[in-house]
N, C-alpha and C. Protein backbone atom coordinates (compact mmCIF):
# COMPACT_ATOMS: atom_id res chain seq x y z
N MET A 1 -63.05 -103.78 116.69
CA MET A 1 -61.61 -103.51 116.77
C MET A 1 -61.34 -102.02 116.86
N LYS A 2 -60.24 -101.67 117.47
CA LYS A 2 -59.85 -100.28 117.57
C LYS A 2 -58.48 -100.09 116.99
N LYS A 3 -58.26 -98.95 116.41
CA LYS A 3 -56.95 -98.60 115.91
C LYS A 3 -56.74 -97.11 116.10
N LYS A 4 -55.52 -96.68 116.27
CA LYS A 4 -55.22 -95.29 116.51
C LYS A 4 -55.38 -94.44 115.25
N LEU A 5 -55.94 -93.21 115.39
CA LEU A 5 -56.16 -92.32 114.27
C LEU A 5 -56.08 -90.85 114.59
N GLY A 6 -56.59 -90.00 113.71
CA GLY A 6 -56.59 -88.57 113.89
C GLY A 6 -57.96 -87.99 113.80
N GLY A 7 -58.27 -86.73 114.30
CA GLY A 7 -59.60 -86.22 114.26
C GLY A 7 -59.70 -84.73 114.19
N SER A 8 -60.90 -84.13 114.53
CA SER A 8 -61.06 -82.70 114.46
C SER A 8 -61.64 -82.22 115.76
N ALA A 9 -61.91 -80.92 115.91
CA ALA A 9 -62.31 -80.56 117.22
C ALA A 9 -63.52 -79.73 117.44
N SER A 10 -63.94 -78.67 116.80
CA SER A 10 -65.09 -77.96 117.22
C SER A 10 -66.11 -77.92 116.12
N CYS A 11 -67.42 -77.95 116.52
CA CYS A 11 -68.48 -78.01 115.52
C CYS A 11 -68.41 -76.80 114.62
N GLY A 12 -68.52 -76.97 113.33
CA GLY A 12 -68.46 -75.87 112.40
C GLY A 12 -67.05 -75.57 111.92
N TRP A 13 -66.09 -76.31 112.40
CA TRP A 13 -64.70 -76.11 111.97
C TRP A 13 -64.28 -77.22 111.05
N TRP A 14 -63.24 -76.99 110.23
CA TRP A 14 -62.72 -78.02 109.32
C TRP A 14 -62.09 -79.13 110.09
N VAL A 15 -62.17 -80.30 109.49
CA VAL A 15 -61.46 -81.43 110.06
C VAL A 15 -60.84 -82.16 108.90
N TYR A 16 -59.50 -82.17 108.79
CA TYR A 16 -58.87 -82.83 107.65
C TYR A 16 -58.15 -84.06 108.13
N PHE A 17 -58.61 -85.20 107.79
CA PHE A 17 -57.91 -86.42 108.14
C PHE A 17 -57.72 -87.33 106.95
N THR A 18 -56.90 -87.98 107.07
CA THR A 18 -56.60 -88.79 106.13
C THR A 18 -56.99 -89.94 106.50
N ALA A 19 -57.08 -90.40 106.29
CA ALA A 19 -57.83 -91.41 106.16
C ALA A 19 -58.76 -91.12 106.32
N ALA A 20 -58.90 -89.23 105.86
CA ALA A 20 -59.84 -89.39 106.26
C ALA A 20 -60.14 -89.40 107.18
N ILE A 21 -61.29 -90.06 107.16
CA ILE A 21 -61.36 -90.41 108.56
C ILE A 21 -61.46 -91.93 108.70
N LEU A 22 -60.93 -92.59 109.77
CA LEU A 22 -60.72 -94.03 109.79
C LEU A 22 -60.88 -94.65 111.17
N ILE A 23 -61.01 -96.06 111.28
CA ILE A 23 -61.30 -96.65 112.58
C ILE A 23 -60.76 -98.06 112.80
N PHE A 24 -59.98 -98.38 113.88
CA PHE A 24 -59.46 -99.74 114.10
C PHE A 24 -58.98 -100.01 115.52
N ALA A 25 -58.52 -101.26 115.76
CA ALA A 25 -58.04 -101.65 117.09
C ALA A 25 -56.62 -102.12 117.03
N VAL A 26 -55.73 -101.22 116.70
CA VAL A 26 -54.32 -101.56 116.59
C VAL A 26 -53.53 -100.60 117.45
N PRO A 27 -52.49 -101.03 118.16
CA PRO A 27 -51.71 -100.12 119.00
C PRO A 27 -51.19 -98.95 118.20
N ALA A 28 -51.04 -97.80 118.88
CA ALA A 28 -50.58 -96.59 118.18
C ALA A 28 -49.24 -96.82 117.53
N GLY A 29 -48.34 -97.51 118.18
CA GLY A 29 -47.02 -97.72 117.62
C GLY A 29 -47.07 -98.45 116.30
N ALA A 30 -48.04 -99.34 116.15
CA ALA A 30 -48.13 -100.12 114.92
C ALA A 30 -48.48 -99.23 113.75
N TRP A 31 -49.27 -98.16 114.01
CA TRP A 31 -49.69 -97.27 112.94
C TRP A 31 -48.56 -96.37 112.50
N ALA A 32 -47.71 -96.00 113.44
CA ALA A 32 -46.65 -95.05 113.12
C ALA A 32 -45.52 -95.68 112.34
N GLY A 33 -45.46 -97.00 112.34
CA GLY A 33 -44.36 -97.66 111.65
C GLY A 33 -44.45 -97.50 110.16
N GLN A 34 -43.31 -97.58 109.50
CA GLN A 34 -43.28 -97.48 108.05
C GLN A 34 -43.69 -98.80 107.42
N LYS A 35 -44.29 -98.70 106.23
CA LYS A 35 -44.68 -99.89 105.51
C LYS A 35 -43.43 -100.67 105.12
N LYS A 36 -43.42 -101.96 105.42
CA LYS A 36 -42.25 -102.77 105.10
C LYS A 36 -42.63 -103.86 104.11
N LYS A 37 -41.73 -104.12 103.18
CA LYS A 37 -41.98 -105.17 102.21
C LYS A 37 -41.60 -106.51 102.82
N LYS A 38 -42.47 -107.49 102.64
CA LYS A 38 -42.17 -108.82 103.14
C LYS A 38 -41.21 -109.52 102.20
N PRO A 39 -40.20 -110.14 102.76
CA PRO A 39 -39.25 -110.83 101.88
C PRO A 39 -39.93 -112.01 101.20
N ALA A 40 -39.53 -112.26 99.97
CA ALA A 40 -40.11 -113.40 99.25
C ALA A 40 -39.63 -114.68 99.86
N SER A 41 -40.52 -115.66 99.96
CA SER A 41 -40.14 -116.95 100.50
C SER A 41 -39.41 -117.73 99.43
N SER A 42 -38.79 -118.81 99.81
CA SER A 42 -38.05 -119.62 98.84
C SER A 42 -38.48 -121.07 98.92
N ASP A 43 -38.39 -121.78 97.78
CA ASP A 43 -38.75 -123.19 97.79
C ASP A 43 -37.51 -124.01 98.07
N ASN A 44 -37.62 -125.31 97.94
CA ASN A 44 -36.49 -126.19 98.26
C ASN A 44 -35.30 -125.98 97.34
N SER A 45 -35.52 -125.43 96.15
CA SER A 45 -34.42 -125.21 95.22
C SER A 45 -33.64 -123.94 95.55
N GLY A 46 -34.14 -123.17 96.52
CA GLY A 46 -33.46 -121.95 96.90
C GLY A 46 -33.90 -120.74 96.10
N GLU A 47 -34.79 -120.94 95.11
CA GLU A 47 -35.26 -119.83 94.30
C GLU A 47 -36.39 -119.08 95.01
N ALA A 48 -36.39 -117.77 94.84
CA ALA A 48 -37.41 -116.95 95.48
C ALA A 48 -38.78 -117.24 94.88
N VAL A 49 -39.79 -117.33 95.76
CA VAL A 49 -41.16 -117.56 95.32
C VAL A 49 -41.96 -116.29 95.64
N PRO A 50 -42.57 -115.65 94.65
CA PRO A 50 -43.33 -114.42 94.89
C PRO A 50 -44.42 -114.63 95.94
N MET A 51 -44.58 -113.63 96.82
CA MET A 51 -45.64 -113.69 97.82
C MET A 51 -46.99 -113.48 97.14
N PRO A 52 -48.05 -114.09 97.65
CA PRO A 52 -49.38 -113.91 97.05
C PRO A 52 -49.79 -112.44 97.13
N PRO A 53 -50.52 -111.96 96.14
CA PRO A 53 -50.94 -110.55 96.15
C PRO A 53 -51.86 -110.23 97.33
N VAL A 54 -51.78 -108.99 97.80
CA VAL A 54 -52.62 -108.54 98.91
C VAL A 54 -53.92 -107.97 98.34
N ALA A 55 -55.04 -108.32 98.94
CA ALA A 55 -56.33 -107.80 98.46
C ALA A 55 -56.33 -106.27 98.57
N PRO A 56 -56.90 -105.56 97.58
CA PRO A 56 -56.92 -104.10 97.61
C PRO A 56 -57.46 -103.51 98.91
N ALA A 57 -58.55 -104.09 99.42
CA ALA A 57 -59.14 -103.55 100.66
C ALA A 57 -58.17 -103.68 101.83
N ASP A 58 -57.44 -104.81 101.90
CA ASP A 58 -56.48 -104.98 102.98
C ASP A 58 -55.31 -104.02 102.85
N GLU A 59 -54.87 -103.79 101.62
CA GLU A 59 -53.76 -102.86 101.38
C GLU A 59 -54.16 -101.44 101.76
N ILE A 60 -55.37 -101.04 101.38
CA ILE A 60 -55.84 -99.70 101.69
C ILE A 60 -56.02 -99.53 103.20
N ASP A 61 -56.56 -100.54 103.86
CA ASP A 61 -56.74 -100.48 105.31
C ASP A 61 -55.39 -100.28 106.00
N HIS A 62 -54.39 -101.02 105.55
CA HIS A 62 -53.04 -100.89 106.10
C HIS A 62 -52.49 -99.49 105.87
N ASP A 63 -52.66 -98.97 104.67
CA ASP A 63 -52.14 -97.64 104.34
C ASP A 63 -52.81 -96.56 105.19
N ILE A 64 -54.10 -96.70 105.42
CA ILE A 64 -54.80 -95.74 106.26
C ILE A 64 -54.22 -95.76 107.67
N GLY A 65 -53.97 -96.95 108.18
CA GLY A 65 -53.36 -97.05 109.51
C GLY A 65 -52.00 -96.38 109.57
N GLU A 66 -51.18 -96.61 108.54
CA GLU A 66 -49.85 -95.99 108.50
C GLU A 66 -49.97 -94.47 108.43
N MET A 67 -50.89 -94.01 107.62
CA MET A 67 -51.07 -92.56 107.46
C MET A 67 -51.51 -91.92 108.77
N LEU A 68 -52.44 -92.55 109.45
CA LEU A 68 -52.93 -91.99 110.71
C LEU A 68 -51.87 -92.06 111.81
N GLY A 69 -51.03 -93.09 111.76
CA GLY A 69 -49.93 -93.15 112.71
C GLY A 69 -48.99 -91.97 112.53
N ALA A 70 -48.69 -91.66 111.26
CA ALA A 70 -47.83 -90.52 110.97
C ALA A 70 -48.52 -89.21 111.36
N PHE A 71 -49.83 -89.16 111.18
CA PHE A 71 -50.61 -87.98 111.56
C PHE A 71 -50.48 -87.70 113.05
N GLN A 72 -50.54 -88.76 113.85
CA GLN A 72 -50.48 -88.59 115.30
C GLN A 72 -49.15 -88.02 115.76
N VAL A 73 -48.06 -88.46 115.15
CA VAL A 73 -46.73 -88.03 115.61
C VAL A 73 -46.21 -86.82 114.84
N GLY A 74 -46.96 -86.34 113.85
CA GLY A 74 -46.55 -85.16 113.12
C GLY A 74 -45.50 -85.40 112.06
N ASP A 75 -45.45 -86.61 111.50
CA ASP A 75 -44.46 -86.94 110.48
C ASP A 75 -45.03 -86.59 109.09
N ILE A 76 -44.75 -85.38 108.62
CA ILE A 76 -45.30 -84.90 107.35
C ILE A 76 -44.87 -85.76 106.17
N GLU A 77 -43.60 -86.13 106.11
CA GLU A 77 -43.10 -86.92 104.98
C GLU A 77 -43.78 -88.28 104.91
N ALA A 78 -43.96 -88.93 106.06
CA ALA A 78 -44.63 -90.23 106.07
C ALA A 78 -46.09 -90.10 105.66
N MET A 79 -46.76 -89.03 106.07
CA MET A 79 -48.14 -88.80 105.67
C MET A 79 -48.25 -88.61 104.16
N HIS A 80 -47.30 -87.87 103.59
CA HIS A 80 -47.35 -87.53 102.17
C HIS A 80 -47.26 -88.77 101.28
N LYS A 81 -46.70 -89.85 101.78
CA LYS A 81 -46.61 -91.09 101.01
C LYS A 81 -47.99 -91.60 100.59
N TYR A 82 -49.02 -91.20 101.32
CA TYR A 82 -50.36 -91.75 101.08
C TYR A 82 -51.33 -90.71 100.51
N TYR A 83 -50.84 -89.50 100.23
CA TYR A 83 -51.68 -88.45 99.67
C TYR A 83 -51.16 -87.99 98.32
N ALA A 84 -52.06 -87.74 97.38
CA ALA A 84 -51.68 -87.17 96.08
C ALA A 84 -51.36 -85.69 96.27
N ASP A 85 -50.51 -85.15 95.42
CA ASP A 85 -50.15 -83.73 95.52
C ASP A 85 -51.35 -82.82 95.29
N ASN A 86 -52.32 -83.29 94.48
CA ASN A 86 -53.49 -82.47 94.17
C ASN A 86 -54.71 -82.86 95.01
N VAL A 87 -54.50 -83.46 96.17
CA VAL A 87 -55.59 -83.89 97.04
C VAL A 87 -56.47 -82.71 97.44
N THR A 88 -57.75 -82.97 97.66
CA THR A 88 -58.67 -81.95 98.16
C THR A 88 -59.23 -82.40 99.51
N PHE A 89 -59.49 -81.43 100.40
CA PHE A 89 -60.02 -81.71 101.74
C PHE A 89 -61.31 -80.92 101.94
N VAL A 90 -62.34 -81.62 102.40
CA VAL A 90 -63.61 -80.98 102.71
C VAL A 90 -63.90 -81.24 104.19
N SER A 91 -64.35 -80.20 104.90
CA SER A 91 -64.62 -80.34 106.32
C SER A 91 -66.08 -80.03 106.62
N SER A 92 -66.41 -80.02 107.91
CA SER A 92 -67.78 -79.72 108.33
C SER A 92 -68.03 -78.21 108.34
N ALA A 93 -67.00 -77.41 108.08
CA ALA A 93 -67.17 -75.96 108.03
C ALA A 93 -67.81 -75.55 106.70
N TYR A 94 -68.52 -74.44 106.73
CA TYR A 94 -69.16 -73.94 105.51
C TYR A 94 -68.15 -73.08 104.76
N GLU A 95 -67.19 -73.72 104.09
CA GLU A 95 -66.16 -73.03 103.34
C GLU A 95 -65.73 -73.90 102.18
N PRO A 96 -65.05 -73.32 101.20
CA PRO A 96 -64.62 -74.08 100.02
C PRO A 96 -63.63 -75.17 100.41
N PRO A 97 -63.47 -76.20 99.58
CA PRO A 97 -62.50 -77.26 99.86
C PRO A 97 -61.09 -76.69 99.89
N LEU A 98 -60.25 -77.32 100.68
CA LEU A 98 -58.82 -76.99 100.69
C LEU A 98 -58.17 -77.85 99.62
N SER A 99 -57.45 -77.23 98.71
CA SER A 99 -56.89 -77.97 97.57
C SER A 99 -55.37 -77.94 97.59
N GLY A 100 -54.76 -79.13 97.42
CA GLY A 100 -53.31 -79.22 97.33
C GLY A 100 -52.65 -79.65 98.62
N TRP A 101 -51.68 -80.58 98.52
CA TRP A 101 -51.00 -81.11 99.70
C TRP A 101 -50.28 -80.01 100.48
N GLN A 102 -49.55 -79.13 99.81
CA GLN A 102 -48.78 -78.10 100.51
C GLN A 102 -49.70 -77.15 101.28
N ASN A 103 -50.85 -76.84 100.74
CA ASN A 103 -51.81 -75.99 101.46
C ASN A 103 -52.33 -76.70 102.70
N TYR A 104 -52.55 -78.00 102.58
CA TYR A 104 -53.00 -78.76 103.73
C TYR A 104 -51.94 -78.79 104.84
N VAL A 105 -50.68 -78.99 104.45
CA VAL A 105 -49.60 -79.07 105.43
C VAL A 105 -49.55 -77.81 106.29
N ALA A 106 -49.71 -76.64 105.67
CA ALA A 106 -49.68 -75.39 106.42
C ALA A 106 -50.79 -75.34 107.47
N VAL A 107 -51.98 -75.79 107.11
CA VAL A 107 -53.11 -75.81 108.04
C VAL A 107 -52.87 -76.85 109.14
N TYR A 108 -52.44 -78.02 108.75
CA TYR A 108 -52.20 -79.11 109.71
C TYR A 108 -51.18 -78.70 110.77
N GLN A 109 -50.07 -78.12 110.36
CA GLN A 109 -49.02 -77.76 111.31
C GLN A 109 -49.49 -76.65 112.24
N ARG A 110 -50.25 -75.70 111.72
CA ARG A 110 -50.77 -74.63 112.57
C ARG A 110 -51.74 -75.18 113.61
N GLU A 111 -52.65 -76.06 113.20
CA GLU A 111 -53.64 -76.60 114.13
C GLU A 111 -53.01 -77.56 115.13
N ARG A 112 -52.07 -78.37 114.68
CA ARG A 112 -51.46 -79.36 115.56
C ARG A 112 -50.66 -78.71 116.68
N ALA A 113 -50.10 -77.54 116.44
CA ALA A 113 -49.26 -76.86 117.43
C ALA A 113 -50.01 -76.54 118.72
N ALA A 114 -51.34 -76.49 118.67
CA ALA A 114 -52.13 -76.14 119.85
C ALA A 114 -52.34 -77.32 120.80
N PHE A 115 -52.03 -78.54 120.35
CA PHE A 115 -52.33 -79.72 121.14
C PHE A 115 -51.07 -80.38 121.68
N GLN A 116 -51.22 -80.97 122.88
CA GLN A 116 -50.12 -81.69 123.51
C GLN A 116 -50.48 -83.18 123.56
N GLY A 117 -49.85 -83.96 122.69
CA GLY A 117 -50.13 -85.39 122.67
C GLY A 117 -51.44 -85.66 121.94
N ILE A 118 -51.39 -86.47 120.89
CA ILE A 118 -52.59 -86.78 120.10
C ILE A 118 -52.77 -88.29 120.01
N GLN A 119 -53.99 -88.72 120.22
CA GLN A 119 -54.32 -90.13 120.09
C GLN A 119 -55.60 -90.22 119.26
N LEU A 120 -55.57 -91.08 118.24
CA LEU A 120 -56.73 -91.26 117.37
C LEU A 120 -57.20 -92.71 117.41
N ILE A 121 -58.48 -92.89 117.57
CA ILE A 121 -59.05 -94.23 117.58
C ILE A 121 -59.98 -94.34 116.38
N ARG A 122 -59.76 -95.33 115.55
CA ARG A 122 -60.56 -95.52 114.33
C ARG A 122 -61.46 -96.73 114.50
N ARG A 123 -62.70 -96.62 114.06
CA ARG A 123 -63.65 -97.73 114.20
C ARG A 123 -64.51 -97.85 112.93
N ASN A 124 -65.07 -99.04 112.76
CA ASN A 124 -66.06 -99.28 111.70
C ASN A 124 -65.59 -98.79 110.33
N THR A 125 -64.47 -99.31 109.91
CA THR A 125 -63.93 -98.93 108.60
C THR A 125 -64.54 -99.81 107.50
N PHE A 126 -65.04 -99.17 106.45
CA PHE A 126 -65.58 -99.88 105.30
C PHE A 126 -64.85 -99.40 104.05
N ILE A 127 -64.35 -100.34 103.26
CA ILE A 127 -63.55 -100.01 102.08
C ILE A 127 -64.18 -100.65 100.85
N PHE A 128 -64.30 -99.87 99.77
CA PHE A 128 -64.96 -100.34 98.56
C PHE A 128 -64.06 -100.13 97.34
N PRO A 129 -63.24 -101.11 96.97
CA PRO A 129 -62.40 -100.99 95.77
C PRO A 129 -63.26 -101.20 94.52
N HIS A 130 -62.90 -100.47 93.45
CA HIS A 130 -63.59 -100.63 92.18
C HIS A 130 -62.58 -100.33 91.08
N GLY A 131 -61.86 -101.36 90.65
CA GLY A 131 -60.80 -101.14 89.68
C GLY A 131 -59.66 -100.34 90.28
N ASP A 132 -59.29 -99.24 89.62
CA ASP A 132 -58.21 -98.38 90.11
C ASP A 132 -58.71 -97.24 90.98
N VAL A 133 -59.97 -97.32 91.40
CA VAL A 133 -60.56 -96.32 92.29
C VAL A 133 -61.14 -97.03 93.50
N ALA A 134 -61.08 -96.39 94.66
CA ALA A 134 -61.66 -96.98 95.87
C ALA A 134 -62.11 -95.85 96.78
N TRP A 135 -63.06 -96.16 97.65
CA TRP A 135 -63.46 -95.19 98.66
C TRP A 135 -63.56 -95.92 100.00
N ALA A 136 -63.28 -95.20 101.06
CA ALA A 136 -63.29 -95.77 102.41
C ALA A 136 -63.99 -94.81 103.36
N SER A 137 -64.71 -95.36 104.32
CA SER A 137 -65.36 -94.52 105.32
C SER A 137 -65.11 -95.13 106.70
N TYR A 138 -65.01 -94.29 107.72
CA TYR A 138 -64.79 -94.79 109.07
C TYR A 138 -65.16 -93.71 110.08
N GLN A 139 -65.31 -94.11 111.33
CA GLN A 139 -65.54 -93.19 112.43
C GLN A 139 -64.24 -93.03 113.21
N TRP A 140 -64.09 -91.90 113.89
CA TRP A 140 -62.86 -91.68 114.64
C TRP A 140 -63.15 -90.92 115.93
N GLU A 141 -62.21 -91.07 116.85
CA GLU A 141 -62.26 -90.35 118.12
C GLU A 141 -60.89 -89.71 118.34
N PHE A 142 -60.88 -88.41 118.52
CA PHE A 142 -59.65 -87.64 118.71
C PHE A 142 -59.50 -87.31 120.19
N GLN A 143 -58.37 -87.69 120.79
CA GLN A 143 -58.11 -87.42 122.20
C GLN A 143 -56.78 -86.69 122.32
N SER A 144 -56.76 -85.62 123.11
CA SER A 144 -55.53 -84.85 123.27
C SER A 144 -55.66 -83.99 124.52
N SER A 145 -54.73 -83.02 124.64
CA SER A 145 -54.74 -82.06 125.72
C SER A 145 -54.61 -80.67 125.11
N LEU A 146 -55.48 -79.76 125.51
CA LEU A 146 -55.47 -78.39 125.00
C LEU A 146 -55.44 -77.43 126.18
N ASN A 147 -54.42 -76.57 126.23
CA ASN A 147 -54.27 -75.64 127.35
C ASN A 147 -54.26 -76.36 128.69
N GLY A 148 -53.64 -77.53 128.72
CA GLY A 148 -53.52 -78.28 129.97
C GLY A 148 -54.75 -79.04 130.38
N ARG A 149 -55.78 -79.09 129.54
CA ARG A 149 -57.02 -79.79 129.89
C ARG A 149 -57.32 -80.87 128.86
N PRO A 150 -57.94 -81.97 129.30
CA PRO A 150 -58.30 -83.05 128.36
C PRO A 150 -59.22 -82.51 127.26
N TYR A 151 -59.02 -83.01 126.05
CA TYR A 151 -59.80 -82.55 124.91
C TYR A 151 -60.17 -83.76 124.06
N MET A 152 -61.46 -83.90 123.75
CA MET A 152 -61.90 -85.07 122.98
C MET A 152 -63.01 -84.67 122.03
N VAL A 153 -62.96 -85.21 120.81
CA VAL A 153 -64.02 -84.95 119.84
C VAL A 153 -64.15 -86.18 118.96
N ARG A 154 -65.35 -86.39 118.39
CA ARG A 154 -65.61 -87.54 117.53
C ARG A 154 -66.12 -87.07 116.17
N GLY A 155 -65.95 -87.94 115.19
CA GLY A 155 -66.43 -87.59 113.86
C GLY A 155 -66.35 -88.76 112.91
N GLN A 156 -66.43 -88.47 111.63
CA GLN A 156 -66.38 -89.52 110.62
C GLN A 156 -65.70 -88.97 109.38
N THR A 157 -65.11 -89.88 108.61
CA THR A 157 -64.33 -89.49 107.43
C THR A 157 -64.66 -90.39 106.25
N THR A 158 -64.62 -89.80 105.07
CA THR A 158 -64.72 -90.55 103.82
C THR A 158 -63.52 -90.19 102.96
N LEU A 159 -62.83 -91.20 102.47
CA LEU A 159 -61.67 -91.00 101.61
C LEU A 159 -61.95 -91.55 100.22
N VAL A 160 -61.43 -90.88 99.20
CA VAL A 160 -61.45 -91.38 97.83
C VAL A 160 -60.00 -91.59 97.43
N LEU A 161 -59.69 -92.77 96.88
CA LEU A 161 -58.32 -93.10 96.51
C LEU A 161 -58.25 -93.55 95.06
N THR A 162 -57.10 -93.32 94.45
CA THR A 162 -56.83 -93.86 93.12
C THR A 162 -55.51 -94.61 93.16
N LYS A 163 -55.37 -95.59 92.29
CA LYS A 163 -54.13 -96.38 92.25
C LYS A 163 -53.19 -95.77 91.22
N VAL A 164 -52.00 -95.42 91.69
CA VAL A 164 -50.96 -94.86 90.84
C VAL A 164 -49.78 -95.82 90.87
N GLY A 165 -49.54 -96.52 89.77
CA GLY A 165 -48.52 -97.57 89.78
C GLY A 165 -48.95 -98.69 90.70
N ASN A 166 -48.14 -98.98 91.71
CA ASN A 166 -48.49 -100.03 92.68
C ASN A 166 -49.03 -99.47 93.98
N ASN A 167 -49.25 -98.15 94.04
CA ASN A 167 -49.66 -97.52 95.30
C ASN A 167 -51.04 -96.89 95.21
N TRP A 168 -51.74 -96.94 96.34
CA TRP A 168 -53.02 -96.25 96.46
C TRP A 168 -52.77 -94.88 97.09
N LEU A 169 -53.29 -93.82 96.46
CA LEU A 169 -53.12 -92.46 96.98
C LEU A 169 -54.48 -91.82 97.26
N ILE A 170 -54.55 -91.11 98.37
CA ILE A 170 -55.78 -90.41 98.72
C ILE A 170 -55.87 -89.13 97.88
N VAL A 171 -56.97 -88.98 97.14
CA VAL A 171 -57.15 -87.80 96.31
C VAL A 171 -58.26 -86.89 96.86
N HIS A 172 -59.03 -87.40 97.81
CA HIS A 172 -60.10 -86.58 98.40
C HIS A 172 -60.36 -87.06 99.82
N ASN A 173 -60.47 -86.12 100.75
CA ASN A 173 -60.72 -86.42 102.15
C ASN A 173 -61.86 -85.54 102.65
N HIS A 174 -62.93 -86.17 103.08
CA HIS A 174 -64.08 -85.43 103.62
C HIS A 174 -64.25 -85.85 105.07
N THR A 175 -63.91 -84.95 105.98
CA THR A 175 -63.96 -85.24 107.41
C THR A 175 -64.94 -84.29 108.10
N SER A 176 -65.79 -84.86 108.93
CA SER A 176 -66.78 -84.05 109.65
C SER A 176 -66.79 -84.42 111.12
N GLU A 177 -66.88 -83.41 111.95
CA GLU A 177 -67.03 -83.63 113.39
C GLU A 177 -68.50 -83.87 113.69
N ILE A 178 -68.77 -84.74 114.65
CA ILE A 178 -70.14 -84.97 115.11
C ILE A 178 -70.39 -84.02 116.26
N CYS A 179 -71.33 -83.09 116.08
CA CYS A 179 -71.60 -82.09 117.11
C CYS A 179 -72.25 -82.72 118.33
N PRO A 180 -71.82 -82.35 119.53
CA PRO A 180 -72.43 -82.89 120.75
C PRO A 180 -73.92 -82.56 120.80
N THR A 181 -74.70 -83.49 121.34
CA THR A 181 -76.15 -83.26 121.44
C THR A 181 -76.62 -83.18 122.88
N SER A 182 -75.82 -83.70 123.83
CA SER A 182 -76.25 -83.69 125.23
C SER A 182 -75.92 -82.34 125.87
N SER A 183 -76.69 -81.99 126.91
CA SER A 183 -76.49 -80.71 127.60
C SER A 183 -75.17 -80.69 128.35
N GLY A 184 -74.63 -81.89 128.62
CA GLY A 184 -73.39 -81.96 129.38
C GLY A 184 -72.17 -82.03 128.50
N ALA A 185 -72.31 -81.69 127.23
CA ALA A 185 -71.18 -81.77 126.30
C ALA A 185 -70.07 -80.81 126.72
N GLN A 186 -68.85 -81.18 126.44
CA GLN A 186 -67.70 -80.38 126.80
C GLN A 186 -67.75 -79.02 126.13
N GLN A 187 -67.53 -77.97 126.90
CA GLN A 187 -67.51 -76.63 126.33
C GLN A 187 -66.11 -76.30 125.88
N GLN A 188 -65.95 -75.91 124.63
CA GLN A 188 -64.64 -75.63 124.08
C GLN A 188 -64.17 -74.24 124.51
N PRO A 189 -62.88 -74.11 124.86
CA PRO A 189 -62.34 -72.81 125.23
C PRO A 189 -62.34 -71.86 124.04
N VAL A 190 -62.20 -70.58 124.31
CA VAL A 190 -62.20 -69.58 123.25
C VAL A 190 -60.85 -68.89 123.21
N VAL A 191 -60.34 -68.65 122.02
CA VAL A 191 -59.07 -67.95 121.87
C VAL A 191 -59.27 -66.76 120.94
N GLN A 192 -58.40 -65.77 121.07
CA GLN A 192 -58.51 -64.57 120.25
C GLN A 192 -57.97 -64.84 118.85
N GLY A 193 -58.71 -64.38 117.84
CA GLY A 193 -58.29 -64.55 116.47
C GLY A 193 -57.28 -63.47 116.09
N PRO A 194 -56.96 -63.37 114.79
CA PRO A 194 -56.01 -62.36 114.32
C PRO A 194 -56.49 -60.96 114.66
N PRO A 195 -55.59 -59.98 114.73
CA PRO A 195 -55.98 -58.60 115.05
C PRO A 195 -57.12 -58.12 114.17
N GLY A 196 -58.10 -57.48 114.80
CA GLY A 196 -59.21 -56.93 114.03
C GLY A 196 -60.34 -57.90 113.80
N THR A 197 -60.25 -59.11 114.36
CA THR A 197 -61.32 -60.09 114.17
C THR A 197 -62.02 -60.37 115.48
N MET A 198 -63.19 -60.99 115.38
CA MET A 198 -63.91 -61.39 116.59
C MET A 198 -63.25 -62.62 117.17
N PRO A 199 -63.41 -62.85 118.49
CA PRO A 199 -62.88 -64.09 119.07
C PRO A 199 -63.49 -65.28 118.35
N GLU A 200 -62.73 -66.35 118.20
CA GLU A 200 -63.21 -67.52 117.50
C GLU A 200 -63.01 -68.75 118.37
N PRO A 201 -63.68 -69.88 118.06
CA PRO A 201 -63.51 -71.10 118.84
C PRO A 201 -62.07 -71.51 118.90
N ALA A 202 -61.73 -72.29 119.93
CA ALA A 202 -60.37 -72.79 120.07
C ALA A 202 -59.99 -73.60 118.84
N PRO A 203 -58.69 -73.77 118.60
CA PRO A 203 -58.25 -74.52 117.42
C PRO A 203 -58.90 -75.89 117.37
N GLU A 204 -59.35 -76.26 116.19
CA GLU A 204 -59.91 -77.59 116.02
C GLU A 204 -58.79 -78.61 116.02
N ALA A 205 -59.15 -79.85 116.11
CA ALA A 205 -58.14 -80.89 116.04
C ALA A 205 -57.47 -80.81 114.68
N PRO A 206 -56.18 -81.14 114.60
CA PRO A 206 -55.50 -81.10 113.31
C PRO A 206 -56.29 -81.86 112.26
N ARG A 207 -56.35 -81.31 111.08
CA ARG A 207 -57.17 -81.89 110.03
C ARG A 207 -56.48 -83.09 109.41
N GLN A 208 -57.23 -84.16 109.22
CA GLN A 208 -56.68 -85.38 108.65
C GLN A 208 -56.54 -85.25 107.15
């Protein structure tokens, strides 16, 4: 199955996704939609009958899809519904973790501004609930346009979640890009860094 998601872009650069990183076969529009509560059914007496509980793995899988849908369209508020304020992000870059939702937002918005149209495909998602803690792993493919040219990168993500009240929140996101191994791999463009620095690789895909 395939589902739309988010990804990163150049080897050695951070990739922050939420979900982590994640994988499925669901139309992009389905991911961007807000989570809706199903109305309770009623019996013959007209009284509401509670809906059966949703399995934790299914609930987490759904939340990851919603989060990645919001990631694709740049909806910060919708993304924040699935992340803890003290979340940490680890990437494939050799640098300390990024800590805190607000710090992540600043990086995400800066990186996303370089791309025109984002599409994320999530595959092979595995979710492991254990009481009020769960972890999920998946592969992803990031497709977009950078400087008017097609841009694609692949990677994988691991998420750690905790249950707060009735909601699962992502408290840790470890996303890594898979470096190309073939000689025909796409060469990433180069852009100038801040004044006084050496040129650096083009912006990576927005971090999940």
